[in-house]
Amino acid sequence: MRLLWYNFTIKGGEKLGGNYEKNMFRHLQETLEKVDKLTKDIAVMKIEHKNEMDSLNLKIVTLSKENQSLKAENQKLKDIINKNSSNSSKPPSSDVFVKIQNSREKSGKRPGGQPGHKAG
């Protein structure tokens, strides 16, 4: 936006256009030019922001679909792992041996005969 400087006359014959007015006018022009530049910069930033948001939304949709697919595959594999002869048609011989933990606490003694013990 460009303003043009004119010498104006106000009531009483007093002329506008002294140094103060010229400086104020120049300052107003500079300010308006800065506002125009900032307005253009903001418009560019808005377009960039919209493009980035569109890209991120697309990634969200893609990752959500991938996540659902992986969850389904994970559940299918868990179901396969958890099958045994009691909940499927598999024979008992195919069941995996599960070792039962010893519930006794260690006494701290060495295994075998203890010193000072008399057999008898």
PDB file of N, CA and C in Angstrom:
ATOM      1  N   MET A   1       0.854  -1.163   0.000  1.00  0.00           N
ATOM      2  CA  MET A   1       0.000   0.000   0.000  1.00  0.00           C
ATOM      3  C   MET A   1       0.902   1.229   0.000  1.00  0.00           C
ATOM      4  N   ARG A   2       0.635   2.114  -0.896  1.00  0.00           N
ATOM      5  CA  ARG A   2       1.472   3.301  -1.020  1.00  0.00           C
ATOM      6  C   ARG A   2       0.597   4.531  -0.849  1.00  0.00           C
ATOM      7  N   LEU A   3       1.008   5.411   0.057  1.00  0.00           N
ATOM      8  CA  LEU A   3       0.293   6.666   0.253  1.00  0.00           C
ATOM      9  C   LEU A   3       1.058   7.777  -0.449  1.00  0.00           C
ATOM     10  N   LEU A   4       0.346   8.724  -0.979  1.00  0.00           N
ATOM     11  CA  LEU A   4       0.988   9.853  -1.637  1.00  0.00           C
ATOM     12  C   LEU A   4       0.929  11.062  -0.717  1.00  0.00           C
ATOM     13  N   TRP A   5       1.997  11.830  -0.724  1.00  0.00           N
ATOM     14  CA  TRP A   5       2.078  13.013   0.143  1.00  0.00           C
ATOM     15  C   TRP A   5       1.569  14.218  -0.627  1.00  0.00           C
ATOM     16  N   TYR A   6       0.631  14.882  -0.014  1.00  0.00           N
ATOM     17  CA  TYR A   6       0.099  16.124  -0.590  1.00  0.00           C
ATOM     18  C   TYR A   6       0.203  17.214   0.447  1.00  0.00           C
ATOM     19  N   ASN A   7       0.318  18.438  -0.012  1.00  0.00           N
ATOM     20  CA  ASN A   7       0.245  19.578   0.893  1.00  0.00           C
ATOM     21  C   ASN A   7      -1.223  19.938   1.048  1.00  0.00           C
ATOM     22  N   PHE A   8      -1.741  19.766   2.236  1.00  0.00           N
ATOM     23  CA  PHE A   8      -3.139  20.060   2.501  1.00  0.00           C
ATOM     24  C   PHE A   8      -3.247  21.387   3.226  1.00  0.00           C
ATOM     25  N   THR A   9      -4.353  22.053   3.000  1.00  0.00           N
ATOM     26  CA  THR A   9      -4.630  23.292   3.704  1.00  0.00           C
ATOM     27  C   THR A   9      -5.826  23.042   4.589  1.00  0.00           C
ATOM     28  N   ILE A  10      -5.732  23.409   5.864  1.00  0.00           N
ATOM     29  CA  ILE A  10      -6.852  23.242   6.781  1.00  0.00           C
ATOM     30  C   ILE A  10      -7.479  24.604   7.031  1.00  0.00           C
ATOM     31  N   LYS A  11      -8.589  24.640   7.751  1.00  0.00           N
ATOM     32  CA  LYS A  11      -9.298  25.890   8.022  1.00  0.00           C
ATOM     33  C   LYS A  11      -8.352  26.918   8.608  1.00  0.00           C
ATOM     34  N   GLY A  12      -8.518  28.110   8.226  1.00  0.00           N
ATOM     35  CA  GLY A  12      -7.694  29.186   8.720  1.00  0.00           C
ATOM     36  C   GLY A  12      -6.502  29.425   7.833  1.00  0.00           C
ATOM     37  N   GLY A  13      -6.359  28.673   6.748  1.00  0.00           N
ATOM     38  CA  GLY A  13      -5.275  28.891   5.819  1.00  0.00           C
ATOM     39  C   GLY A  13      -3.957  28.260   6.240  1.00  0.00           C
ATOM     40  N   GLU A  14      -3.948  27.519   7.359  1.00  0.00           N
ATOM     41  CA  GLU A  14      -2.708  26.911   7.845  1.00  0.00           C
ATOM     42  C   GLU A  14      -2.376  25.717   6.966  1.00  0.00           C
ATOM     43  N   LYS A  15      -1.170  25.647   6.525  1.00  0.00           N
ATOM     44  CA  LYS A  15      -0.752  24.583   5.626  1.00  0.00           C
ATOM     45  C   LYS A  15      -0.173  23.413   6.419  1.00  0.00           C
ATOM     46  N   LEU A  16      -0.619  22.194   6.049  1.00  0.00           N
ATOM     47  CA  LEU A  16       0.016  20.995   6.600  1.00  0.00           C
ATOM     48  C   LEU A  16       1.179  20.649   5.689  1.00  0.00           C
ATOM     49  N   GLY A  17       2.187  20.062   6.211  1.00  0.00           N
ATOM     50  CA  GLY A  17       3.284  19.659   5.361  1.00  0.00           C
ATOM     51  C   GLY A  17       4.619  20.042   5.931  1.00  0.00           C
ATOM     52  N   GLY A  18       4.648  20.414   7.187  1.00  0.00           N
ATOM     53  CA  GLY A  18       5.922  20.697   7.813  1.00  0.00           C
ATOM     54  C   GLY A  18       6.706  19.418   8.033  1.00  0.00           C
ATOM     55  N   ASN A  19       7.896  19.556   8.616  1.00  0.00           N
ATOM     56  CA  ASN A  19       8.755  18.386   8.852  1.00  0.00           C
ATOM     57  C   ASN A  19       8.098  17.361   9.750  1.00  0.00           C
ATOM     58  N   TYR A  20       7.386  17.818  10.769  1.00  0.00           N
ATOM     59  CA  TYR A  20       6.739  16.874  11.697  1.00  0.00           C
ATOM     60  C   TYR A  20       5.731  16.023  10.934  1.00  0.00           C
ATOM     61  N   GLU A  21       4.901  16.704  10.127  1.00  0.00           N
ATOM     62  CA  GLU A  21       3.881  15.971   9.381  1.00  0.00           C
ATOM     63  C   GLU A  21       4.518  15.032   8.359  1.00  0.00           C
ATOM     64  N   LYS A  22       5.579  15.500   7.696  1.00  0.00           N
ATOM     65  CA  LYS A  22       6.253  14.659   6.712  1.00  0.00           C
ATOM     66  C   LYS A  22       6.858  13.425   7.383  1.00  0.00           C
ATOM     67  N   ASN A  23       7.452  13.641   8.558  1.00  0.00           N
ATOM     68  CA  ASN A  23       8.037  12.503   9.291  1.00  0.00           C
ATOM     69  C   ASN A  23       6.959  11.528   9.739  1.00  0.00           C
ATOM     70  N   MET A  24       5.851  12.062  10.205  1.00  0.00           N
ATOM     71  CA  MET A  24       4.746  11.194  10.621  1.00  0.00           C
ATOM     72  C   MET A  24       4.206  10.413   9.431  1.00  0.00           C
ATOM     73  N   PHE A  25       4.071  11.098   8.283  1.00  0.00           N
ATOM     74  CA  PHE A  25       3.586  10.442   7.076  1.00  0.00           C
ATOM     75  C   PHE A  25       4.547   9.344   6.635  1.00  0.00           C
ATOM     76  N   ARG A  26       5.849   9.621   6.652  1.00  0.00           N
ATOM     77  CA  ARG A  26       6.850   8.629   6.275  1.00  0.00           C
ATOM     78  C   ARG A  26       6.808   7.438   7.234  1.00  0.00           C
ATOM     79  N   HIS A  27       6.668   7.729   8.506  1.00  0.00           N
ATOM     80  CA  HIS A  27       6.574   6.668   9.507  1.00  0.00           C
ATOM     81  C   HIS A  27       5.326   5.812   9.264  1.00  0.00           C
ATOM     82  N   LEU A  28       4.217   6.469   8.914  1.00  0.00           N
ATOM     83  CA  LEU A  28       2.984   5.738   8.607  1.00  0.00           C
ATOM     84  C   LEU A  28       3.184   4.852   7.382  1.00  0.00           C
ATOM     85  N   GLN A  29       3.851   5.366   6.357  1.00  0.00           N
ATOM     86  CA  GLN A  29       4.117   4.563   5.165  1.00  0.00           C
ATOM     87  C   GLN A  29       4.981   3.345   5.508  1.00  0.00           C
ATOM     88  N   GLU A  30       6.028   3.554   6.280  1.00  0.00           N
ATOM     89  CA  GLU A  30       6.911   2.440   6.665  1.00  0.00           C
ATOM     90  C   GLU A  30       6.156   1.400   7.473  1.00  0.00           C
ATOM     91  N   THR A  31       5.311   1.879   8.371  1.00  0.00           N
ATOM     92  CA  THR A  31       4.528   0.951   9.199  1.00  0.00           C
ATOM     93  C   THR A  31       3.573   0.146   8.337  1.00  0.00           C
ATOM     94  N   LEU A  32       2.920   0.801   7.384  1.00  0.00           N
ATOM     95  CA  LEU A  32       2.000   0.083   6.497  1.00  0.00           C
ATOM     96  C   LEU A  32       2.744  -0.930   5.632  1.00  0.00           C
ATOM     97  N   GLU A  33       3.936  -0.602   5.174  1.00  0.00           N
ATOM     98  CA  GLU A  33       4.736  -1.555   4.401  1.00  0.00           C
ATOM     99  C   GLU A  33       5.114  -2.761   5.245  1.00  0.00           C
ATOM    100  N   LYS A  34       5.454  -2.520   6.523  1.00  0.00           N
ATOM    101  CA  LYS A  34       5.776  -3.637   7.428  1.00  0.00           C
ATOM    102  C   LYS A  34       4.548  -4.508   7.660  1.00  0.00           C
ATOM    103  N   VAL A  35       3.395  -3.875   7.812  1.00  0.00           N
ATOM    104  CA  VAL A  35       2.156  -4.633   8.003  1.00  0.00           C
ATOM    105  C   VAL A  35       1.873  -5.486   6.774  1.00  0.00           C
ATOM    106  N   ASP A  36       2.047  -4.919   5.580  1.00  0.00           N
ATOM    107  CA  ASP A  36       1.842  -5.685   4.346  1.00  0.00           C
ATOM    108  C   ASP A  36       2.783  -6.883   4.283  1.00  0.00           C
ATOM    109  N   LYS A  37       4.053  -6.672   4.606  1.00  0.00           N
ATOM    110  CA  LYS A  37       5.024  -7.769   4.582  1.00  0.00           C
ATOM    111  C   LYS A  37       4.653  -8.847   5.593  1.00  0.00           C
ATOM    112  N   LEU A  38       4.276  -8.423   6.796  1.00  0.00           N
ATOM    113  CA  LEU A  38       3.890  -9.396   7.818  1.00  0.00           C
ATOM    114  C   LEU A  38       2.630 -10.157   7.412  1.00  0.00           C
ATOM    115  N   THR A  39       1.699  -9.471   6.779  1.00  0.00           N
ATOM    116  CA  THR A  39       0.483 -10.137   6.308  1.00  0.00           C
ATOM    117  C   THR A  39       0.824 -11.214   5.283  1.00  0.00           C
ATOM    118  N   LYS A  40       1.736 -10.902   4.369  1.00  0.00           N
ATOM    119  CA  LYS A  40       2.164 -11.892   3.360  1.00  0.00           C
ATOM    120  C   LYS A  40       2.890 -13.051   4.039  1.00  0.00           C
ATOM    121  N   ASP A  41       3.763 -12.749   4.999  1.00  0.00           N
ATOM    122  CA  ASP A  41       4.495 -13.801   5.720  1.00  0.00           C
ATOM    123  C   ASP A  41       3.529 -14.724   6.453  1.00  0.00           C
ATOM    124  N   ILE A  42       2.509 -14.136   7.061  1.00  0.00           N
ATOM    125  CA  ILE A  42       1.525 -14.937   7.795  1.00  0.00           C
ATOM    126  C   ILE A  42       0.758 -15.838   6.836  1.00  0.00           C
ATOM    127  N   ALA A  43       0.408 -15.316   5.671  1.00  0.00           N
ATOM    128  CA  ALA A  43      -0.312 -16.124   4.676  1.00  0.00           C
ATOM    129  C   ALA A  43       0.538 -17.326   4.249  1.00  0.00           C
ATOM    130  N   VAL A  44       1.837 -17.099   4.027  1.00  0.00           N
ATOM    131  CA  VAL A  44       2.738 -18.192   3.648  1.00  0.00           C
ATOM    132  C   VAL A  44       2.837 -19.211   4.789  1.00  0.00           C
ATOM    133  N   MET A  45       2.955 -18.718   6.009  1.00  0.00           N
ATOM    134  CA  MET A  45       3.059 -19.617   7.169  1.00  0.00           C
ATOM    135  C   MET A  45       1.785 -20.437   7.335  1.00  0.00           C
ATOM    136  N   LYS A  46       0.624 -19.833   7.071  1.00  0.00           N
ATOM    137  CA  LYS A  46      -0.639 -20.564   7.175  1.00  0.00           C
ATOM    138  C   LYS A  46      -0.695 -21.699   6.167  1.00  0.00           C
ATOM    139  N   ILE A  47      -0.223 -21.433   4.959  1.00  0.00           N
ATOM    140  CA  ILE A  47      -0.219 -22.475   3.922  1.00  0.00           C
ATOM    141  C   ILE A  47       0.739 -23.599   4.324  1.00  0.00           C
ATOM    142  N   GLU A  48       1.926 -23.236   4.797  1.00  0.00           N
ATOM    143  CA  GLU A  48       2.895 -24.247   5.234  1.00  0.00           C
ATOM    144  C   GLU A  48       2.335 -25.062   6.394  1.00  0.00           C
ATOM    145  N   HIS A  49       1.690 -24.384   7.336  1.00  0.00           N
ATOM    146  CA  HIS A  49       1.110 -25.070   8.501  1.00  0.00           C
ATOM    147  C   HIS A  49       0.005 -26.038   8.050  1.00  0.00           C
ATOM    148  N   LYS A  50      -0.839 -25.604   7.124  1.00  0.00           N
ATOM    149  CA  LYS A  50      -1.911 -26.474   6.632  1.00  0.00           C
ATOM    150  C   LYS A  50      -1.327 -27.704   5.946  1.00  0.00           C
ATOM    151  N   ASN A  51      -0.285 -27.504   5.125  1.00  0.00           N
ATOM    152  CA  ASN A  51       0.348 -28.641   4.444  1.00  0.00           C
ATOM    153  C   ASN A  51       0.944 -29.618   5.451  1.00  0.00           C
ATOM    154  N   GLU A  52       1.588 -29.084   6.485  1.00  0.00           N
ATOM    155  CA  GLU A  52       2.176 -29.938   7.513  1.00  0.00           C
ATOM    156  C   GLU A  52       1.089 -30.698   8.278  1.00  0.00           C
ATOM    157  N   MET A  53      -0.011 -30.019   8.591  1.00  0.00           N
ATOM    158  CA  MET A  53      -1.111 -30.677   9.296  1.00  0.00           C
ATOM    159  C   MET A  53      -1.716 -31.791   8.440  1.00  0.00           C
ATOM    160  N   ASP A  54      -1.888 -31.533   7.133  1.00  0.00           N
ATOM    161  CA  ASP A  54      -2.417 -32.565   6.236  1.00  0.00           C
ATOM    162  C   ASP A  54      -1.495 -33.779   6.209  1.00  0.00           C
ATOM    163  N   SER A  55      -0.192 -33.522   6.150  1.00  0.00           N
ATOM    164  CA  SER A  55       0.781 -34.608   6.134  1.00  0.00           C
ATOM    165  C   SER A  55       0.730 -35.408   7.439  1.00  0.00           C
ATOM    166  N   LEU A  56       0.658 -34.701   8.555  1.00  0.00           N
ATOM    167  CA  LEU A  56       0.606 -35.389   9.850  1.00  0.00           C
ATOM    168  C   LEU A  56      -0.692 -36.175  10.017  1.00  0.00           C
ATOM    169  N   ASN A  57      -1.803 -35.632   9.542  1.00  0.00           N
ATOM    170  CA  ASN A  57      -3.071 -36.357   9.626  1.00  0.00           C
ATOM    171  C   ASN A  57      -3.031 -37.628   8.783  1.00  0.00           C
ATOM    172  N   LEU A  58      -2.391 -37.549   7.627  1.00  0.00           N
ATOM    173  CA  LEU A  58      -2.248 -38.737   6.788  1.00  0.00           C
ATOM    174  C   LEU A  58      -1.400 -39.801   7.505  1.00  0.00           C
ATOM    175  N   LYS A  59      -0.324 -39.352   8.159  1.00  0.00           N
ATOM    176  CA  LYS A  59       0.515 -40.291   8.920  1.00  0.00           C
ATOM    177  C   LYS A  59      -0.270 -40.928  10.053  1.00  0.00           C
ATOM    178  N   ILE A  60      -1.101 -40.151  10.716  1.00  0.00           N
ATOM    179  CA  ILE A  60      -1.917 -40.683  11.816  1.00  0.00           C
ATOM    180  C   ILE A  60      -2.840 -41.773  11.309  1.00  0.00           C
ATOM    181  N   VAL A  61      -3.500 -41.530  10.181  1.00  0.00           N
ATOM    182  CA  VAL A  61      -4.410 -42.524   9.610  1.00  0.00           C
ATOM    183  C   VAL A  61      -3.636 -43.783   9.237  1.00  0.00           C
ATOM    184  N   THR A  62      -2.492 -43.623   8.586  1.00  0.00           N
ATOM    185  CA  THR A  62      -1.676 -44.772   8.168  1.00  0.00           C
ATOM    186  C   THR A  62      -1.204 -45.578   9.372  1.00  0.00           C
ATOM    187  N   LEU A  63      -0.709 -44.877  10.393  1.00  0.00           N
ATOM    188  CA  LEU A  63      -0.211 -45.575  11.582  1.00  0.00           C
ATOM    189  C   LEU A  63      -1.340 -46.243  12.360  1.00  0.00           C
ATOM    190  N   SER A  64      -2.521 -45.647  12.367  1.00  0.00           N
ATOM    191  CA  SER A  64      -3.665 -46.266  13.043  1.00  0.00           C
ATOM    192  C   SER A  64      -4.054 -47.574  12.367  1.00  0.00           C
ATOM    193  N   LYS A  65      -4.073 -47.555  11.025  1.00  0.00           N
ATOM    194  CA  LYS A  65      -4.393 -48.785  10.293  1.00  0.00           C
ATOM    195  C   LYS A  65      -3.340 -49.861  10.556  1.00  0.00           C
ATOM    196  N   GLU A  66      -2.072 -49.456  10.526  1.00  0.00           N
ATOM    197  CA  GLU A  66      -0.986 -50.404  10.780  1.00  0.00           C
ATOM    198  C   GLU A  66      -1.079 -50.962  12.197  1.00  0.00           C
ATOM    199  N   ASN A  67      -1.417 -50.104  13.153  1.00  0.00           N
ATOM    200  CA  ASN A  67      -1.547 -50.528  14.548  1.00  0.00           C
ATOM    201  C   ASN A  67      -2.670 -51.562  14.692  1.00  0.00           C
ATOM    202  N   GLN A  68      -3.815 -51.317  14.048  1.00  0.00           N
ATOM    203  CA  GLN A  68      -4.918 -52.269  14.113  1.00  0.00           C
ATOM    204  C   GLN A  68      -4.520 -53.614  13.505  1.00  0.00           C
ATOM    205  N   SER A  69      -3.809 -53.569  12.384  1.00  0.00           N
ATOM    206  CA  SER A  69      -3.356 -54.795  11.727  1.00  0.00           C
ATOM    207  C   SER A  69      -2.406 -55.584  12.637  1.00  0.00           C
ATOM    208  N   LEU A  70      -1.465 -54.867  13.269  1.00  0.00           N
ATOM    209  CA  LEU A  70      -0.509 -55.537  14.159  1.00  0.00           C
ATOM    210  C   LEU A  70      -1.191 -56.089  15.405  1.00  0.00           C
ATOM    211  N   LYS A  71      -2.190 -55.392  15.914  1.00  0.00           N
ATOM    212  CA  LYS A  71      -2.939 -55.903  17.071  1.00  0.00           C
ATOM    213  C   LYS A  71      -3.653 -57.204  16.713  1.00  0.00           C
ATOM    214  N   ALA A  72      -4.259 -57.246  15.534  1.00  0.00           N
ATOM    215  CA  ALA A  72      -4.962 -58.461  15.103  1.00  0.00           C
ATOM    216  C   ALA A  72      -3.974 -59.621  14.934  1.00  0.00           C
ATOM    217  N   GLU A  73      -2.831 -59.336  14.319  1.00  0.00           N
ATOM    218  CA  GLU A  73      -1.815 -60.375  14.134  1.00  0.00           C
ATOM    219  C   GLU A  73      -1.281 -60.857  15.483  1.00  0.00           C
ATOM    220  N   ASN A  74      -1.054 -59.941  16.392  1.00  0.00           N
ATOM    221  CA  ASN A  74      -0.573 -60.282  17.728  1.00  0.00           C
ATOM    222  C   ASN A  74      -1.573 -61.185  18.450  1.00  0.00           C
ATOM    223  N   GLN A  75      -2.861 -60.859  18.351  1.00  0.00           N
ATOM    224  CA  GLN A  75      -3.881 -61.684  19.008  1.00  0.00           C
ATOM    225  C   GLN A  75      -3.939 -63.076  18.394  1.00  0.00           C
ATOM    226  N   LYS A  76      -3.808 -63.136  17.070  1.00  0.00           N
ATOM    227  CA  LYS A  76      -3.825 -64.431  16.390  1.00  0.00           C
ATOM    228  C   LYS A  76      -2.653 -65.298  16.856  1.00  0.00           C
ATOM    229  N   LEU A  77      -1.472 -64.695  16.975  1.00  0.00           N
ATOM    230  CA  LEU A  77      -0.290 -65.448  17.430  1.00  0.00           C
ATOM    231  C   LEU A  77      -0.433 -65.871  18.891  1.00  0.00           C
ATOM    232  N   LYS A  78      -0.998 -65.008  19.726  1.00  0.00           N
ATOM    233  CA  LYS A  78      -1.232 -65.383  21.132  1.00  0.00           C
ATOM    234  C   LYS A  78      -2.184 -66.573  21.218  1.00  0.00           C
ATOM    235  N   ASP A  79      -3.227 -66.562  20.390  1.00  0.00           N
ATOM    236  CA  ASP A  79      -4.180 -67.678  20.393  1.00  0.00           C
ATOM    237  C   ASP A  79      -3.498 -68.982  19.994  1.00  0.00           C
ATOM    238  N   ILE A  80      -2.585 -68.909  19.019  1.00  0.00           N
ATOM    239  CA  ILE A  80      -1.865 -70.114  18.589  1.00  0.00           C
ATOM    240  C   ILE A  80      -0.968 -70.616  19.709  1.00  0.00           C
ATOM    241  N   ILE A  81      -0.250 -69.701  20.359  1.00  0.00           N
ATOM    242  CA  ILE A  81       0.680 -70.085  21.428  1.00  0.00           C
ATOM    243  C   ILE A  81      -0.068 -70.691  22.621  1.00  0.00           C
ATOM    244  N   ASN A  82      -1.224 -70.159  22.931  1.00  0.00           N
ATOM    245  CA  ASN A  82      -1.951 -70.588  24.128  1.00  0.00           C
ATOM    246  C   ASN A  82      -2.789 -71.845  23.922  1.00  0.00           C
ATOM    247  N   LYS A  83      -2.750 -72.445  22.740  1.00  0.00           N
ATOM    248  CA  LYS A  83      -3.520 -73.675  22.516  1.00  0.00           C
ATOM    249  C   LYS A  83      -2.782 -74.857  23.133  1.00  0.00           C
ATOM    250  N   ASN A  84      -3.539 -75.719  23.779  1.00  0.00           N
ATOM    251  CA  ASN A  84      -2.989 -76.979  24.290  1.00  0.00           C
ATOM    252  C   ASN A  84      -4.073 -78.047  24.153  1.00  0.00           C
ATOM    253  N   SER A  85      -3.821 -79.227  24.701  1.00  0.00           N
ATOM    254  CA  SER A  85      -4.764 -80.336  24.515  1.00  0.00           C
ATOM    255  C   SER A  85      -6.099 -80.089  25.220  1.00  0.00           C
ATOM    256  N   SER A  86      -6.125 -79.204  26.208  1.00  0.00           N
ATOM    257  CA  SER A  86      -7.391 -78.991  26.916  1.00  0.00           C
ATOM    258  C   SER A  86      -8.295 -77.961  26.226  1.00  0.00           C
ATOM    259  N   ASN A  87      -7.765 -77.111  25.364  1.00  0.00           N
ATOM    260  CA  ASN A  87      -8.622 -76.121  24.712  1.00  0.00           C
ATOM    261  C   ASN A  87      -8.565 -76.200  23.182  1.00  0.00           C
ATOM    262  N   SER A  88      -8.072 -77.332  22.653  1.00  0.00           N
ATOM    263  CA  SER A  88      -8.049 -77.516  21.197  1.00  0.00           C
ATOM    264  C   SER A  88      -8.061 -79.014  20.899  1.00  0.00           C
ATOM    265  N   SER A  89      -7.957 -79.323  19.638  1.00  0.00           N
ATOM    266  CA  SER A  89      -7.962 -80.734  19.236  1.00  0.00           C
ATOM    267  C   SER A  89      -6.557 -81.324  19.212  1.00  0.00           C
ATOM    268  N   LYS A  90      -5.584 -80.629  19.792  1.00  0.00           N
ATOM    269  CA  LYS A  90      -4.217 -81.131  19.825  1.00  0.00           C
ATOM    270  C   LYS A  90      -4.114 -82.319  20.797  1.00  0.00           C
ATOM    271  N   PRO A  91      -3.268 -83.292  20.469  1.00  0.00           N
ATOM    272  CA  PRO A  91      -3.096 -84.429  21.383  1.00  0.00           C
ATOM    273  C   PRO A  91      -2.284 -84.012  22.614  1.00  0.00           C
ATOM    274  N   PRO A  92      -2.488 -84.669  23.756  1.00  0.00           N
ATOM    275  CA  PRO A  92      -1.753 -84.324  24.974  1.00  0.00           C
ATOM    276  C   PRO A  92      -0.243 -84.427  24.821  1.00  0.00           C
ATOM    277  N   SER A  93       0.229 -85.267  23.926  1.00  0.00           N
ATOM    278  CA  SER A  93       1.674 -85.411  23.742  1.00  0.00           C
ATOM    279  C   SER A  93       2.312 -84.135  23.155  1.00  0.00           C
ATOM    280  N   SER A  94       1.501 -83.292  22.570  1.00  0.00           N
ATOM    281  CA  SER A  94       2.049 -82.059  21.995  1.00  0.00           C
ATOM    282  C   SER A  94       2.104 -80.922  23.017  1.00  0.00           C
ATOM    283  N   ASP A  95       1.566 -81.162  24.218  1.00  0.00           N
ATOM    284  CA  ASP A  95       1.619 -80.118  25.247  1.00  0.00           C
ATOM    285  C   ASP A  95       3.059 -79.891  25.675  1.00  0.00           C
ATOM    286  N   VAL A  96       3.387 -78.665  25.914  1.00  0.00           N
ATOM    287  CA  VAL A  96       4.723 -78.299  26.351  1.00  0.00           C
ATOM    288  C   VAL A  96       4.814 -78.558  27.852  1.00  0.00           C
ATOM    289  N   PHE A  97       5.941 -79.180  28.280  1.00  0.00           N
ATOM    290  CA  PHE A  97       6.131 -79.458  29.691  1.00  0.00           C
ATOM    291  C   PHE A  97       6.367 -78.146  30.431  1.00  0.00           C
ATOM    292  N   VAL A  98       5.605 -77.945  31.499  1.00  0.00           N
ATOM    293  CA  VAL A  98       5.767 -76.751  32.309  1.00  0.00           C
ATOM    294  C   VAL A  98       6.354 -77.184  33.641  1.00  0.00           C
ATOM    295  N   LYS A  99       7.571 -76.751  33.932  1.00  0.00           N
ATOM    296  CA  LYS A  99       8.238 -77.117  35.169  1.00  0.00           C
ATOM    297  C   LYS A  99       7.612 -76.332  36.321  1.00  0.00           C
ATOM    298  N   ILE A 100       7.262 -77.039  37.370  1.00  0.00           N
ATOM    299  CA  ILE A 100       6.666 -76.399  38.542  1.00  0.00           C
ATOM    300  C   ILE A 100       7.797 -75.909  39.431  1.00  0.00           C
ATOM    301  N   GLN A 101       7.702 -74.688  39.857  1.00  0.00           N
ATOM    302  CA  GLN A 101       8.730 -74.098  40.707  1.00  0.00           C
ATOM    303  C   GLN A 101       8.746 -74.764  42.085  1.00  0.00           C
ATOM    304  N   ASN A 102       9.942 -74.954  42.637  1.00  0.00           N
ATOM    305  CA  ASN A 102      10.099 -75.486  43.981  1.00  0.00           C
ATOM    306  C   ASN A 102       9.726 -74.377  44.963  1.00  0.00           C
ATOM    307  N   SER A 103       8.789 -74.672  45.858  1.00  0.00           N
ATOM    308  CA  SER A 103       8.320 -73.633  46.776  1.00  0.00           C
ATOM    309  C   SER A 103       9.131 -73.607  48.081  1.00  0.00           C
ATOM    310  N   ARG A 104      10.090 -74.539  48.240  1.00  0.00           N
ATOM    311  CA  ARG A 104      10.893 -74.548  49.474  1.00  0.00           C
ATOM    312  C   ARG A 104      11.900 -73.412  49.457  1.00  0.00           C
ATOM    313  N   GLU A 105      12.150 -72.871  50.627  1.00  0.00           N
ATOM    314  CA  GLU A 105      13.162 -71.827  50.751  1.00  0.00           C
ATOM    315  C   GLU A 105      14.511 -72.472  51.001  1.00  0.00           C
ATOM    316  N   LYS A 106      15.564 -71.862  50.506  1.00  0.00           N
ATOM    317  CA  LYS A 106      16.907 -72.396  50.720  1.00  0.00           C
ATOM    318  C   LYS A 106      17.299 -72.198  52.177  1.00  0.00           C
ATOM    319  N   SER A 107      17.963 -73.221  52.714  1.00  0.00           N
ATOM    320  CA  SER A 107      18.364 -73.145  54.125  1.00  0.00           C
ATOM    321  C   SER A 107      19.757 -72.543  54.284  1.00  0.00           C
ATOM    322  N   GLY A 108      20.499 -72.483  53.210  1.00  0.00           N
ATOM    323  CA  GLY A 108      21.854 -71.962  53.290  1.00  0.00           C
ATOM    324  C   GLY A 108      22.882 -73.061  53.524  1.00  0.00           C
ATOM    325  N   LYS A 109      22.445 -74.278  53.799  1.00  0.00           N
ATOM    326  CA  LYS A 109      23.370 -75.394  54.028  1.00  0.00           C
ATOM    327  C   LYS A 109      23.752 -76.017  52.697  1.00  0.00           C
ATOM    328  N   ARG A 110      24.943 -76.605  52.678  1.00  0.00           N
ATOM    329  CA  ARG A 110      25.408 -77.297  51.495  1.00  0.00           C
ATOM    330  C   ARG A 110      24.676 -78.623  51.350  1.00  0.00           C
ATOM    331  N   PRO A 111      24.458 -79.079  50.105  1.00  0.00           N
ATOM    332  CA  PRO A 111      23.785 -80.372  49.933  1.00  0.00           C
ATOM    333  C   PRO A 111      24.685 -81.513  50.407  1.00  0.00           C
ATOM    334  N   GLY A 112      24.045 -82.604  50.806  1.00  0.00           N
ATOM    335  CA  GLY A 112      24.796 -83.784  51.261  1.00  0.00           C
ATOM    336  C   GLY A 112      24.854 -83.853  52.768  1.00  0.00           C
ATOM    337  N   GLY A 113      25.710 -84.761  53.290  1.00  0.00           N
ATOM    338  CA  GLY A 113      25.844 -84.931  54.733  1.00  0.00           C
ATOM    339  C   GLY A 113      26.436 -83.678  55.372  1.00  0.00           C
ATOM    340  N   GLN A 114      25.915 -83.333  56.530  1.00  0.00           N
ATOM    341  CA  GLN A 114      26.354 -82.126  57.219  1.00  0.00           C
ATOM    342  C   GLN A 114      27.474 -82.482  58.207  1.00  0.00           C
ATOM    343  N   PRO A 115      28.444 -81.607  58.429  1.00  0.00           N
ATOM    344  CA  PRO A 115      29.522 -81.895  59.373  1.00  0.00           C
ATOM    345  C   PRO A 115      28.954 -82.091  60.779  1.00  0.00           C
ATOM    346  N   GLY A 116      29.478 -83.062  61.485  1.00  0.00           N
ATOM    347  CA  GLY A 116      29.062 -83.323  62.854  1.00  0.00           C
ATOM    348  C   GLY A 116      27.898 -84.280  62.964  1.00  0.00           C
ATOM    349  N   HIS A 117      27.312 -84.658  61.851  1.00  0.00           N
ATOM    350  CA  HIS A 117      26.184 -85.592  61.888  1.00  0.00           C
ATOM    351  C   HIS A 117      26.695 -87.013  61.895  1.00  0.00           C
ATOM    352  N   LYS A 118      26.193 -87.817  62.843  1.00  0.00           N
ATOM    353  CA  LYS A 118      26.612 -89.219  62.938  1.00  0.00           C
ATOM    354  C   LYS A 118      25.550 -90.091  62.285  1.00  0.00           C
ATOM    355  N   ALA A 119      25.995 -90.915  61.382  1.00  0.00           N
ATOM    356  CA  ALA A 119      25.084 -91.789  60.684  1.00  0.00           C
ATOM    357  C   ALA A 119      24.569 -92.829  61.653  1.00  0.00           C
ATOM    358  N   GLY A 120      23.371 -93.092  61.615  1.00  0.00           N
ATOM    359  CA  GLY A 120      23.005 -94.122  62.505  1.00  0.00           C
ATOM    360  C   GLY A 120      21.665 -94.398  62.774  1.00  0.00           C
TER     361      GLY A 120
END
